[in-house]
N, C-alpha and C. Protein backbone atom coordinates (compact mmCIF):
# COMPACT_ATOMS: atom_id res chain seq x y z
N MET A 1 22.20 -0.01 22.06
CA MET A 1 22.00 1.41 22.31
C MET A 1 21.04 1.59 23.49
N GLN A 2 21.41 2.42 24.45
CA GLN A 2 20.56 2.65 25.61
C GLN A 2 19.35 3.50 25.24
N ALA A 3 18.32 3.38 26.09
CA ALA A 3 17.07 4.10 25.83
C ALA A 3 17.29 5.61 25.77
N SER A 4 18.12 6.12 26.66
CA SER A 4 18.37 7.57 26.68
C SER A 4 19.04 8.03 25.38
N GLN A 5 19.95 7.21 24.87
CA GLN A 5 20.63 7.55 23.62
C GLN A 5 19.64 7.52 22.45
N LYS A 6 18.76 6.51 22.46
CA LYS A 6 17.73 6.42 21.41
C LYS A 6 16.87 7.68 21.40
N LYS A 7 16.48 8.13 22.57
CA LYS A 7 15.60 9.30 22.65
C LYS A 7 16.29 10.56 22.13
N VAL A 8 17.57 10.71 22.49
CA VAL A 8 18.31 11.89 22.03
C VAL A 8 18.48 11.87 20.52
N ILE A 9 18.89 10.72 19.97
CA ILE A 9 19.09 10.61 18.53
C ILE A 9 17.75 10.74 17.80
N GLY A 10 16.71 10.09 18.33
CA GLY A 10 15.39 10.16 17.72
C GLY A 10 14.87 11.59 17.67
N THR A 11 15.07 12.33 18.76
CA THR A 11 14.64 13.73 18.80
C THR A 11 15.40 14.55 17.77
N GLY A 12 16.70 14.28 17.65
CA GLY A 12 17.51 14.99 16.66
C GLY A 12 17.05 14.72 15.24
N LEU A 13 16.74 13.46 14.94
CA LEU A 13 16.27 13.11 13.59
C LEU A 13 14.94 13.77 13.28
N LEU A 14 14.04 13.81 14.26
CA LEU A 14 12.75 14.46 14.04
C LEU A 14 12.91 15.97 13.89
N ALA A 15 13.90 16.54 14.56
CA ALA A 15 14.17 17.97 14.41
C ALA A 15 14.63 18.27 12.98
N VAL A 16 15.50 17.41 12.46
CA VAL A 16 15.96 17.58 11.07
C VAL A 16 14.79 17.41 10.11
N PHE A 17 13.93 16.43 10.40
CA PHE A 17 12.74 16.23 9.57
C PHE A 17 11.85 17.47 9.59
N ALA A 18 11.65 18.04 10.77
CA ALA A 18 10.81 19.23 10.89
C ALA A 18 11.39 20.39 10.08
N TYR A 19 12.72 20.52 10.11
CA TYR A 19 13.36 21.58 9.32
C TYR A 19 13.16 21.33 7.83
N LEU A 20 13.28 20.07 7.42
CA LEU A 20 13.08 19.72 6.01
C LEU A 20 11.65 20.01 5.59
N ALA A 21 10.69 19.68 6.46
CA ALA A 21 9.29 19.96 6.16
C ALA A 21 9.06 21.48 6.03
N TYR A 22 9.70 22.24 6.90
CA TYR A 22 9.60 23.70 6.84
C TYR A 22 10.13 24.21 5.50
N CYS A 23 11.25 23.66 5.06
CA CYS A 23 11.83 24.07 3.78
C CYS A 23 10.92 23.71 2.61
N VAL A 24 10.23 22.58 2.73
CA VAL A 24 9.27 22.20 1.69
C VAL A 24 8.12 23.20 1.64
N VAL A 25 7.58 23.53 2.80
CA VAL A 25 6.44 24.45 2.86
C VAL A 25 6.81 25.84 2.37
N THR A 26 8.01 26.28 2.69
CA THR A 26 8.44 27.64 2.32
C THR A 26 9.12 27.69 0.94
N HIS A 27 9.18 26.53 0.26
CA HIS A 27 9.78 26.45 -1.07
C HIS A 27 11.22 26.97 -1.07
N ALA A 28 12.00 26.48 -0.14
CA ALA A 28 13.39 26.91 -0.02
C ALA A 28 14.14 26.65 -1.32
N ALA A 29 14.91 27.63 -1.76
CA ALA A 29 15.61 27.54 -3.04
C ALA A 29 16.61 26.38 -3.05
N TRP A 30 17.33 26.19 -1.95
CA TRP A 30 18.35 25.14 -1.92
C TRP A 30 17.71 23.76 -2.07
N LEU A 31 16.51 23.60 -1.50
CA LEU A 31 15.84 22.30 -1.57
C LEU A 31 15.32 22.04 -2.98
N GLN A 32 14.77 23.06 -3.61
CA GLN A 32 14.30 22.91 -4.98
C GLN A 32 15.46 22.57 -5.92
N GLN A 33 16.61 23.20 -5.69
CA GLN A 33 17.79 22.91 -6.51
C GLN A 33 18.27 21.49 -6.29
N PHE A 34 18.25 21.05 -5.03
CA PHE A 34 18.66 19.69 -4.70
C PHE A 34 17.75 18.67 -5.38
N ASP A 35 16.45 18.84 -5.24
CA ASP A 35 15.49 17.91 -5.84
C ASP A 35 15.62 17.90 -7.36
N SER A 36 15.83 19.07 -7.95
CA SER A 36 15.98 19.16 -9.41
C SER A 36 17.24 18.45 -9.88
N SER A 37 18.33 18.60 -9.14
CA SER A 37 19.59 17.97 -9.52
C SER A 37 19.49 16.45 -9.44
N VAL A 38 18.88 15.96 -8.37
CA VAL A 38 18.71 14.51 -8.23
C VAL A 38 17.81 13.96 -9.32
N ALA A 39 16.72 14.67 -9.61
CA ALA A 39 15.80 14.22 -10.65
C ALA A 39 16.49 14.14 -12.01
N THR A 40 17.36 15.10 -12.28
CA THR A 40 18.10 15.11 -13.55
C THR A 40 19.03 13.91 -13.64
N LEU A 41 19.71 13.60 -12.55
CA LEU A 41 20.61 12.44 -12.53
C LEU A 41 19.84 11.13 -12.68
N VAL A 42 18.74 11.01 -11.97
CA VAL A 42 17.95 9.77 -12.01
C VAL A 42 17.34 9.57 -13.40
N ALA A 43 16.94 10.66 -14.06
CA ALA A 43 16.33 10.57 -15.38
C ALA A 43 17.26 9.89 -16.39
N LYS A 44 18.57 10.01 -16.18
CA LYS A 44 19.54 9.40 -17.09
C LYS A 44 19.61 7.89 -16.94
N THR A 45 19.02 7.36 -15.87
CA THR A 45 19.06 5.91 -15.63
C THR A 45 17.81 5.19 -16.12
N VAL A 46 16.89 5.92 -16.70
CA VAL A 46 15.62 5.32 -17.13
C VAL A 46 15.84 4.43 -18.35
N THR A 47 15.58 3.14 -18.17
CA THR A 47 15.65 2.17 -19.26
C THR A 47 14.49 1.18 -19.06
N PRO A 48 14.10 0.46 -20.09
CA PRO A 48 13.01 -0.52 -19.93
C PRO A 48 13.31 -1.56 -18.85
N THR A 49 14.56 -2.04 -18.80
CA THR A 49 14.92 -3.06 -17.80
C THR A 49 14.83 -2.50 -16.39
N ASN A 50 15.39 -1.31 -16.20
CA ASN A 50 15.33 -0.68 -14.87
C ASN A 50 13.89 -0.43 -14.45
N SER A 51 13.06 -0.04 -15.41
CA SER A 51 11.66 0.24 -15.09
C SER A 51 10.93 -1.01 -14.62
N ILE A 52 11.20 -2.14 -15.27
CA ILE A 52 10.54 -3.40 -14.87
C ILE A 52 10.96 -3.79 -13.46
N VAL A 53 12.27 -3.74 -13.20
CA VAL A 53 12.77 -4.14 -11.88
C VAL A 53 12.25 -3.22 -10.79
N LEU A 54 12.35 -1.93 -11.01
CA LEU A 54 11.94 -0.96 -9.99
C LEU A 54 10.43 -0.91 -9.81
N LYS A 55 9.69 -1.27 -10.86
CA LYS A 55 8.24 -1.34 -10.71
C LYS A 55 7.86 -2.44 -9.72
N GLY A 56 8.57 -3.58 -9.82
CA GLY A 56 8.33 -4.66 -8.87
C GLY A 56 8.71 -4.25 -7.46
N ILE A 57 9.82 -3.55 -7.32
CA ILE A 57 10.26 -3.08 -6.00
C ILE A 57 9.27 -2.09 -5.43
N ALA A 58 8.78 -1.18 -6.28
CA ALA A 58 7.80 -0.18 -5.82
C ALA A 58 6.51 -0.86 -5.35
N PHE A 59 6.10 -1.92 -6.06
CA PHE A 59 4.90 -2.65 -5.64
C PHE A 59 5.10 -3.30 -4.27
N LEU A 60 6.25 -3.95 -4.09
CA LEU A 60 6.52 -4.61 -2.81
C LEU A 60 6.68 -3.61 -1.68
N GLY A 61 7.10 -2.38 -2.01
CA GLY A 61 7.28 -1.36 -0.99
C GLY A 61 6.09 -0.46 -0.78
N SER A 62 5.00 -0.71 -1.49
CA SER A 62 3.82 0.14 -1.35
C SER A 62 3.19 -0.04 0.03
N PRO A 63 2.57 1.02 0.59
CA PRO A 63 1.94 0.90 1.90
C PRO A 63 0.94 -0.26 1.98
N ALA A 64 0.16 -0.45 0.91
CA ALA A 64 -0.83 -1.53 0.92
C ALA A 64 -0.16 -2.89 1.04
N THR A 65 0.91 -3.10 0.27
CA THR A 65 1.63 -4.38 0.31
C THR A 65 2.32 -4.58 1.65
N VAL A 66 3.02 -3.55 2.12
CA VAL A 66 3.76 -3.66 3.38
C VAL A 66 2.82 -3.88 4.55
N ILE A 67 1.72 -3.15 4.59
CA ILE A 67 0.76 -3.33 5.68
C ILE A 67 0.12 -4.71 5.60
N GLY A 68 -0.13 -5.18 4.37
CA GLY A 68 -0.68 -6.53 4.20
C GLY A 68 0.28 -7.59 4.72
N ILE A 69 1.56 -7.46 4.38
CA ILE A 69 2.57 -8.41 4.87
C ILE A 69 2.70 -8.30 6.39
N THR A 70 2.60 -7.07 6.90
CA THR A 70 2.67 -6.87 8.35
C THR A 70 1.52 -7.58 9.05
N CYS A 71 0.34 -7.54 8.44
CA CYS A 71 -0.82 -8.23 9.02
C CYS A 71 -0.58 -9.74 9.07
N ILE A 72 0.02 -10.28 8.01
CA ILE A 72 0.35 -11.72 7.99
C ILE A 72 1.37 -12.02 9.08
N LEU A 73 2.38 -11.16 9.21
CA LEU A 73 3.38 -11.34 10.26
C LEU A 73 2.73 -11.30 11.64
N CYS A 74 1.82 -10.35 11.82
CA CYS A 74 1.14 -10.22 13.12
C CYS A 74 0.31 -11.46 13.44
N LEU A 75 -0.33 -12.03 12.43
CA LEU A 75 -1.11 -13.24 12.63
C LEU A 75 -0.20 -14.38 13.08
N TRP A 76 0.96 -14.50 12.43
CA TRP A 76 1.92 -15.53 12.81
C TRP A 76 2.44 -15.31 14.23
N LEU A 77 2.73 -14.05 14.56
CA LEU A 77 3.21 -13.74 15.91
C LEU A 77 2.14 -14.04 16.95
N TRP A 78 0.89 -13.75 16.60
CA TRP A 78 -0.23 -14.02 17.53
C TRP A 78 -0.30 -15.50 17.84
N ILE A 79 -0.17 -16.32 16.81
CA ILE A 79 -0.26 -17.77 16.99
C ILE A 79 0.94 -18.31 17.75
N ARG A 80 2.14 -17.82 17.42
CA ARG A 80 3.37 -18.35 18.01
C ARG A 80 3.75 -17.71 19.34
N HIS A 81 3.50 -16.40 19.47
CA HIS A 81 4.01 -15.68 20.64
C HIS A 81 2.95 -14.93 21.43
N GLY A 82 1.70 -14.96 20.98
CA GLY A 82 0.64 -14.31 21.74
C GLY A 82 0.22 -12.97 21.17
N ALA A 83 -0.87 -12.45 21.73
CA ALA A 83 -1.50 -11.25 21.20
C ALA A 83 -0.69 -9.99 21.46
N VAL A 84 -0.01 -9.92 22.60
CA VAL A 84 0.66 -8.67 22.98
C VAL A 84 1.75 -8.30 21.98
N LEU A 85 2.64 -9.23 21.65
CA LEU A 85 3.70 -8.95 20.68
C LEU A 85 3.11 -8.64 19.31
N SER A 86 2.08 -9.37 18.93
CA SER A 86 1.43 -9.16 17.64
C SER A 86 0.86 -7.75 17.53
N LEU A 87 0.17 -7.30 18.57
CA LEU A 87 -0.44 -5.97 18.55
C LEU A 87 0.62 -4.87 18.64
N TRP A 88 1.70 -5.14 19.35
CA TRP A 88 2.81 -4.19 19.43
C TRP A 88 3.42 -3.96 18.06
N VAL A 89 3.70 -5.04 17.34
CA VAL A 89 4.29 -4.95 16.01
C VAL A 89 3.33 -4.27 15.04
N GLY A 90 2.07 -4.69 15.05
CA GLY A 90 1.10 -4.08 14.16
C GLY A 90 0.88 -2.61 14.46
N GLY A 91 0.86 -2.27 15.75
CA GLY A 91 0.66 -0.88 16.15
C GLY A 91 1.78 0.03 15.70
N LEU A 92 3.01 -0.47 15.74
CA LEU A 92 4.15 0.33 15.29
C LEU A 92 3.96 0.77 13.84
N GLN A 93 3.52 -0.16 12.99
CA GLN A 93 3.35 0.15 11.57
C GLN A 93 2.12 1.04 11.34
N LEU A 94 1.00 0.67 11.93
CA LEU A 94 -0.24 1.39 11.65
C LEU A 94 -0.24 2.79 12.23
N PHE A 95 0.26 2.96 13.44
CA PHE A 95 0.30 4.28 14.06
C PHE A 95 1.26 5.18 13.29
N GLY A 96 2.41 4.63 12.92
CA GLY A 96 3.37 5.41 12.14
C GLY A 96 2.81 5.82 10.79
N SER A 97 2.10 4.91 10.13
CA SER A 97 1.50 5.21 8.83
C SER A 97 0.46 6.31 8.95
N ALA A 98 -0.29 6.29 10.06
CA ALA A 98 -1.31 7.32 10.29
C ALA A 98 -0.64 8.69 10.45
N ILE A 99 0.47 8.72 11.18
CA ILE A 99 1.21 9.98 11.36
C ILE A 99 1.68 10.51 10.01
N THR A 100 2.17 9.61 9.16
CA THR A 100 2.64 10.01 7.84
C THR A 100 1.52 10.64 7.02
N GLU A 101 0.34 10.03 7.06
CA GLU A 101 -0.78 10.57 6.29
C GLU A 101 -1.21 11.94 6.79
N VAL A 102 -1.17 12.14 8.10
CA VAL A 102 -1.51 13.45 8.66
C VAL A 102 -0.52 14.50 8.19
N ILE A 103 0.77 14.16 8.23
CA ILE A 103 1.80 15.11 7.79
C ILE A 103 1.65 15.42 6.31
N LYS A 104 1.34 14.40 5.50
CA LYS A 104 1.12 14.62 4.07
C LYS A 104 0.07 15.71 3.85
N LYS A 105 -1.03 15.62 4.59
CA LYS A 105 -2.13 16.57 4.41
C LYS A 105 -1.77 17.95 4.95
N LEU A 106 -0.97 18.00 6.01
CA LEU A 106 -0.58 19.29 6.57
C LEU A 106 0.39 20.02 5.65
N VAL A 107 1.36 19.29 5.10
CA VAL A 107 2.35 19.90 4.21
C VAL A 107 1.75 20.16 2.83
N ALA A 108 0.95 19.21 2.37
CA ALA A 108 0.21 19.35 1.10
C ALA A 108 1.12 19.68 -0.08
N ARG A 109 2.20 18.93 -0.21
CA ARG A 109 3.13 19.16 -1.32
C ARG A 109 2.66 18.39 -2.56
N PRO A 110 2.46 19.07 -3.67
CA PRO A 110 2.07 18.38 -4.90
C PRO A 110 3.17 17.42 -5.37
N ARG A 111 2.77 16.36 -6.03
CA ARG A 111 3.75 15.41 -6.56
C ARG A 111 4.46 16.00 -7.78
N PRO A 112 5.61 15.43 -8.13
CA PRO A 112 6.33 15.91 -9.32
C PRO A 112 5.48 15.75 -10.59
N LEU A 113 5.81 16.52 -11.59
CA LEU A 113 5.12 16.43 -12.88
C LEU A 113 5.70 15.28 -13.70
N HIS A 114 4.95 14.88 -14.72
CA HIS A 114 5.41 13.88 -15.69
C HIS A 114 5.79 12.55 -15.04
N GLN A 115 4.92 12.04 -14.18
CA GLN A 115 5.18 10.77 -13.51
C GLN A 115 5.20 9.63 -14.53
N LEU A 116 6.12 8.69 -14.35
CA LEU A 116 6.16 7.52 -15.22
C LEU A 116 5.07 6.52 -14.83
N ILE A 117 4.78 6.45 -13.54
CA ILE A 117 3.65 5.67 -13.04
C ILE A 117 2.77 6.61 -12.24
N PRO A 118 1.61 7.01 -12.77
CA PRO A 118 0.77 8.00 -12.10
C PRO A 118 0.38 7.57 -10.69
N ASP A 119 0.48 8.52 -9.75
CA ASP A 119 0.09 8.28 -8.37
C ASP A 119 -0.72 9.47 -7.90
N THR A 120 -1.51 9.26 -6.86
CA THR A 120 -2.38 10.31 -6.35
C THR A 120 -1.92 10.74 -4.95
N GLY A 121 -2.58 11.76 -4.44
CA GLY A 121 -2.27 12.22 -3.10
C GLY A 121 -1.08 13.17 -3.08
N PHE A 122 -0.70 13.55 -1.87
CA PHE A 122 0.41 14.48 -1.71
C PHE A 122 1.74 13.74 -1.67
N SER A 123 2.82 14.53 -1.74
CA SER A 123 4.14 13.96 -2.00
C SER A 123 5.03 13.80 -0.77
N PHE A 124 4.92 14.70 0.21
CA PHE A 124 5.85 14.71 1.34
C PHE A 124 5.16 14.30 2.63
N PRO A 125 5.69 13.28 3.33
CA PRO A 125 6.79 12.40 2.98
C PRO A 125 6.30 11.19 2.18
N SER A 126 7.21 10.34 1.77
CA SER A 126 6.87 9.16 0.96
C SER A 126 6.31 8.04 1.85
N GLY A 127 5.08 7.63 1.57
CA GLY A 127 4.48 6.54 2.33
C GLY A 127 5.17 5.21 2.07
N HIS A 128 5.56 4.97 0.82
CA HIS A 128 6.30 3.75 0.48
C HIS A 128 7.55 3.62 1.34
N THR A 129 8.34 4.70 1.37
CA THR A 129 9.61 4.66 2.08
C THR A 129 9.41 4.54 3.58
N PHE A 130 8.42 5.25 4.12
CA PHE A 130 8.17 5.18 5.56
C PHE A 130 7.76 3.77 5.97
N CYS A 131 6.77 3.22 5.30
CA CYS A 131 6.27 1.89 5.67
C CYS A 131 7.36 0.83 5.52
N THR A 132 8.14 0.93 4.46
CA THR A 132 9.23 -0.03 4.24
C THR A 132 10.28 0.08 5.34
N THR A 133 10.63 1.30 5.72
CA THR A 133 11.63 1.50 6.76
C THR A 133 11.17 0.90 8.08
N ILE A 134 9.93 1.15 8.47
CA ILE A 134 9.39 0.60 9.72
C ILE A 134 9.34 -0.92 9.64
N PHE A 135 8.96 -1.46 8.49
CA PHE A 135 8.89 -2.92 8.34
C PHE A 135 10.28 -3.55 8.48
N VAL A 136 11.28 -2.94 7.83
CA VAL A 136 12.65 -3.46 7.94
C VAL A 136 13.12 -3.39 9.38
N PHE A 137 12.88 -2.27 10.06
CA PHE A 137 13.27 -2.15 11.47
C PHE A 137 12.59 -3.23 12.31
N THR A 138 11.32 -3.51 12.01
CA THR A 138 10.57 -4.51 12.76
C THR A 138 11.17 -5.90 12.57
N ILE A 139 11.47 -6.25 11.32
CA ILE A 139 12.06 -7.56 11.04
C ILE A 139 13.41 -7.70 11.74
N LEU A 140 14.22 -6.65 11.69
CA LEU A 140 15.52 -6.69 12.36
C LEU A 140 15.35 -6.82 13.87
N MET A 141 14.36 -6.13 14.41
CA MET A 141 14.09 -6.23 15.85
C MET A 141 13.74 -7.65 16.26
N LEU A 142 13.04 -8.36 15.38
CA LEU A 142 12.59 -9.72 15.69
C LEU A 142 13.67 -10.77 15.46
N VAL A 143 14.50 -10.57 14.42
CA VAL A 143 15.44 -11.64 14.05
C VAL A 143 16.85 -11.46 14.59
N LEU A 144 17.29 -10.21 14.81
CA LEU A 144 18.67 -10.01 15.23
C LEU A 144 19.01 -10.70 16.56
N PRO A 145 18.11 -10.69 17.54
CA PRO A 145 18.44 -11.38 18.80
C PRO A 145 18.70 -12.88 18.62
N ALA A 146 18.13 -13.47 17.56
CA ALA A 146 18.32 -14.91 17.33
C ALA A 146 19.56 -15.22 16.50
N ILE A 147 20.19 -14.18 15.93
CA ILE A 147 21.39 -14.39 15.11
C ILE A 147 22.62 -14.24 16.01
N LYS A 148 23.35 -15.30 16.16
CA LYS A 148 24.48 -15.31 17.09
C LYS A 148 25.77 -14.76 16.47
N LYS A 149 26.00 -15.03 15.20
CA LYS A 149 27.24 -14.61 14.56
C LYS A 149 27.19 -13.13 14.19
N ARG A 150 28.21 -12.40 14.58
CA ARG A 150 28.25 -10.96 14.38
C ARG A 150 28.19 -10.60 12.90
N HIS A 151 28.93 -11.32 12.07
CA HIS A 151 28.96 -10.99 10.65
C HIS A 151 27.60 -11.23 10.00
N CYS A 152 26.86 -12.21 10.51
CA CYS A 152 25.52 -12.46 9.97
C CYS A 152 24.56 -11.33 10.35
N ARG A 153 24.75 -10.80 11.56
CA ARG A 153 23.92 -9.66 11.99
C ARG A 153 24.21 -8.44 11.12
N ILE A 154 25.49 -8.24 10.81
CA ILE A 154 25.87 -7.11 9.96
C ILE A 154 25.27 -7.26 8.57
N VAL A 155 25.32 -8.48 8.03
CA VAL A 155 24.76 -8.74 6.70
C VAL A 155 23.26 -8.45 6.70
N ALA A 156 22.56 -8.87 7.76
CA ALA A 156 21.12 -8.64 7.85
C ALA A 156 20.80 -7.15 7.86
N VAL A 157 21.58 -6.39 8.62
CA VAL A 157 21.36 -4.94 8.69
C VAL A 157 21.63 -4.29 7.34
N ILE A 158 22.72 -4.67 6.70
CA ILE A 158 23.06 -4.09 5.39
C ILE A 158 21.98 -4.43 4.36
N ALA A 159 21.49 -5.67 4.39
CA ALA A 159 20.42 -6.06 3.46
C ALA A 159 19.18 -5.22 3.68
N GLY A 160 18.86 -4.94 4.94
CA GLY A 160 17.70 -4.09 5.23
C GLY A 160 17.88 -2.68 4.71
N ILE A 161 19.07 -2.12 4.90
CA ILE A 161 19.36 -0.77 4.42
C ILE A 161 19.28 -0.71 2.90
N ILE A 162 19.81 -1.73 2.24
CA ILE A 162 19.77 -1.77 0.77
C ILE A 162 18.33 -1.82 0.27
N TRP A 163 17.49 -2.60 0.95
CA TRP A 163 16.09 -2.70 0.51
C TRP A 163 15.38 -1.36 0.67
N ILE A 164 15.61 -0.68 1.79
CA ILE A 164 15.02 0.65 1.98
C ILE A 164 15.49 1.59 0.87
N ALA A 165 16.78 1.54 0.56
CA ALA A 165 17.35 2.42 -0.48
C ALA A 165 16.72 2.14 -1.84
N PHE A 166 16.50 0.87 -2.17
CA PHE A 166 15.90 0.54 -3.46
C PHE A 166 14.46 1.03 -3.56
N VAL A 167 13.70 0.86 -2.48
CA VAL A 167 12.32 1.35 -2.49
C VAL A 167 12.30 2.87 -2.63
N ALA A 168 13.16 3.54 -1.88
CA ALA A 168 13.23 5.00 -1.98
C ALA A 168 13.63 5.43 -3.39
N MET A 169 14.60 4.73 -3.96
CA MET A 169 15.06 5.03 -5.31
C MET A 169 13.94 4.87 -6.34
N SER A 170 13.14 3.83 -6.15
CA SER A 170 12.06 3.58 -7.11
C SER A 170 11.05 4.72 -7.13
N ARG A 171 10.83 5.34 -5.98
CA ARG A 171 9.86 6.44 -5.91
C ARG A 171 10.36 7.67 -6.66
N VAL A 172 11.64 7.93 -6.58
CA VAL A 172 12.22 9.06 -7.30
C VAL A 172 12.35 8.73 -8.79
N TYR A 173 12.70 7.48 -9.08
CA TYR A 173 12.88 7.02 -10.46
C TYR A 173 11.60 7.21 -11.27
N PHE A 174 10.46 6.85 -10.67
CA PHE A 174 9.17 6.96 -11.38
C PHE A 174 8.55 8.35 -11.26
N ARG A 175 9.31 9.28 -10.67
CA ARG A 175 8.87 10.68 -10.52
C ARG A 175 7.59 10.80 -9.72
N ASP A 176 7.38 9.87 -8.81
CA ASP A 176 6.23 9.96 -7.91
C ASP A 176 6.57 10.75 -6.67
N HIS A 177 7.87 10.94 -6.43
CA HIS A 177 8.34 11.70 -5.27
C HIS A 177 9.61 12.46 -5.61
N PHE A 178 9.83 13.53 -4.87
CA PHE A 178 11.10 14.23 -4.93
C PHE A 178 12.09 13.50 -4.02
N ALA A 179 13.37 13.74 -4.23
CA ALA A 179 14.39 13.10 -3.39
C ALA A 179 14.20 13.49 -1.93
N SER A 180 13.81 14.73 -1.68
CA SER A 180 13.62 15.19 -0.30
C SER A 180 12.44 14.48 0.37
N ASP A 181 11.49 13.98 -0.42
CA ASP A 181 10.36 13.23 0.15
C ASP A 181 10.84 11.93 0.78
N VAL A 182 11.70 11.21 0.07
CA VAL A 182 12.14 9.91 0.57
C VAL A 182 13.15 10.08 1.71
N ILE A 183 13.98 11.12 1.61
CA ILE A 183 14.91 11.40 2.71
C ILE A 183 14.12 11.76 3.97
N GLY A 184 13.09 12.58 3.78
CA GLY A 184 12.24 12.95 4.91
C GLY A 184 11.58 11.75 5.54
N SER A 185 11.16 10.79 4.73
CA SER A 185 10.51 9.58 5.25
C SER A 185 11.46 8.76 6.12
N VAL A 186 12.70 8.62 5.66
CA VAL A 186 13.69 7.86 6.45
C VAL A 186 13.96 8.57 7.77
N LEU A 187 14.07 9.89 7.74
CA LEU A 187 14.27 10.66 8.97
C LEU A 187 13.08 10.49 9.91
N LEU A 188 11.88 10.60 9.37
CA LEU A 188 10.67 10.48 10.19
C LEU A 188 10.54 9.08 10.78
N ALA A 189 10.73 8.06 9.94
CA ALA A 189 10.60 6.68 10.41
C ALA A 189 11.64 6.35 11.47
N SER A 190 12.87 6.78 11.24
CA SER A 190 13.95 6.49 12.19
C SER A 190 13.74 7.21 13.52
N GLY A 191 13.37 8.49 13.44
CA GLY A 191 13.11 9.24 14.66
C GLY A 191 11.93 8.68 15.44
N TYR A 192 10.87 8.36 14.72
CA TYR A 192 9.68 7.76 15.34
C TYR A 192 10.04 6.45 16.03
N TRP A 193 10.80 5.61 15.34
CA TRP A 193 11.18 4.30 15.90
C TRP A 193 12.02 4.46 17.17
N LEU A 194 13.00 5.37 17.12
CA LEU A 194 13.90 5.55 18.25
C LEU A 194 13.20 6.18 19.45
N LEU A 195 12.13 6.94 19.22
CA LEU A 195 11.42 7.55 20.34
C LEU A 195 10.36 6.62 20.93
N VAL A 196 9.80 5.75 20.11
CA VAL A 196 8.71 4.87 20.59
C VAL A 196 9.23 3.59 21.21
N THR A 197 10.21 2.96 20.58
CA THR A 197 10.65 1.63 21.04
C THR A 197 11.25 1.60 22.46
N PRO A 198 11.81 2.70 22.99
CA PRO A 198 12.25 2.64 24.38
C PRO A 198 11.11 2.39 25.37
N TYR A 199 9.88 2.64 24.93
CA TYR A 199 8.72 2.44 25.79
C TYR A 199 8.02 1.11 25.49
N GLU A 200 8.75 0.19 24.87
CA GLU A 200 8.15 -1.09 24.48
C GLU A 200 7.50 -1.81 25.65
N MET A 201 8.21 -1.95 26.75
CA MET A 201 7.67 -2.70 27.88
C MET A 201 6.43 -2.05 28.46
N GLN A 202 6.45 -0.72 28.59
CA GLN A 202 5.27 -0.01 29.11
C GLN A 202 4.07 -0.17 28.19
N ILE A 203 4.32 -0.06 26.88
CA ILE A 203 3.22 -0.18 25.92
C ILE A 203 2.68 -1.61 25.92
N LYS A 204 3.56 -2.59 26.01
CA LYS A 204 3.12 -3.99 26.05
C LYS A 204 2.28 -4.26 27.29
N LYS A 205 2.68 -3.67 28.42
CA LYS A 205 1.90 -3.85 29.65
C LYS A 205 0.51 -3.24 29.49
N LEU A 206 0.46 -2.07 28.85
CA LEU A 206 -0.83 -1.42 28.61
C LEU A 206 -1.71 -2.27 27.71
N ILE A 207 -1.10 -2.83 26.65
CA ILE A 207 -1.85 -3.71 25.75
C ILE A 207 -2.39 -4.91 26.52
N GLY A 208 -1.53 -5.47 27.39
CA GLY A 208 -1.94 -6.62 28.19
C GLY A 208 -3.12 -6.33 29.09
N LYS A 209 -3.19 -5.10 29.58
CA LYS A 209 -4.31 -4.71 30.46
C LYS A 209 -5.59 -4.47 29.68
N LEU A 210 -5.43 -4.07 28.41
CA LEU A 210 -6.59 -3.70 27.61
C LEU A 210 -7.29 -4.89 26.95
N ILE A 211 -6.57 -6.01 26.79
CA ILE A 211 -7.18 -7.17 26.13
C ILE A 211 -7.40 -8.28 27.16
N PRO A 212 -8.48 -9.05 27.00
CA PRO A 212 -8.78 -10.12 27.95
C PRO A 212 -7.66 -11.13 28.03
N GLU A 213 -7.48 -11.72 29.22
CA GLU A 213 -6.39 -12.69 29.43
C GLU A 213 -6.57 -13.93 28.56
N ARG A 214 -7.81 -14.31 28.31
CA ARG A 214 -8.04 -15.51 27.51
C ARG A 214 -7.57 -15.30 26.06
N ILE A 215 -7.61 -14.05 25.58
CA ILE A 215 -7.13 -13.76 24.24
C ILE A 215 -5.61 -13.79 24.21
N GLN A 216 -4.99 -13.28 25.30
CA GLN A 216 -3.52 -13.26 25.36
C GLN A 216 -2.94 -14.66 25.31
N SER A 217 -3.66 -15.62 25.83
CA SER A 217 -3.13 -16.98 25.91
C SER A 217 -3.44 -17.83 24.71
N VAL A 218 -4.14 -17.23 23.72
CA VAL A 218 -4.50 -18.00 22.51
C VAL A 218 -3.25 -18.34 21.73
């Protein structure tokens, strides 16, 4: 996908996200009905086995876990490929997470009632889903160029999408988020990614100028 196409699609996704956020703030009737309908459907799937599996998925998809794994990845990238790539990857996750937290406070949407696993803070958008989406995009960005077989690339992408879906599902399942929260997170993460990554080379050059050369060569 060309940079210009990424920017157009990314802008469109963020526009949809902005509209969704507006509907959350204004308590749009259609959105409340949508969230209620999804919650009713998901409630029918609650079983002890599902709860155990999805609890593990929710833990692995939590911002703390994802950022921790990202830090380990960045350390490995620093050792193998240098500081610039490491800081680029880490910055994508951390800057995006910061944006999510700011939006949470601006929208200030209370979490759903009767949570199966109590959580704190505001609800829109889902931090779990955002961080997981950015992490999956990052892994795909790093590994897809090395995968030569087309069907293997497709499998990798599908696996990433499935993982994002499971993390998002776990947040709705445990009533820690509304369905619109996780949808909003995917829109925000995708739009953010498509708007920022076209400037990868410029940002890497800036990082290279900001850090000493001796550190870059470590």
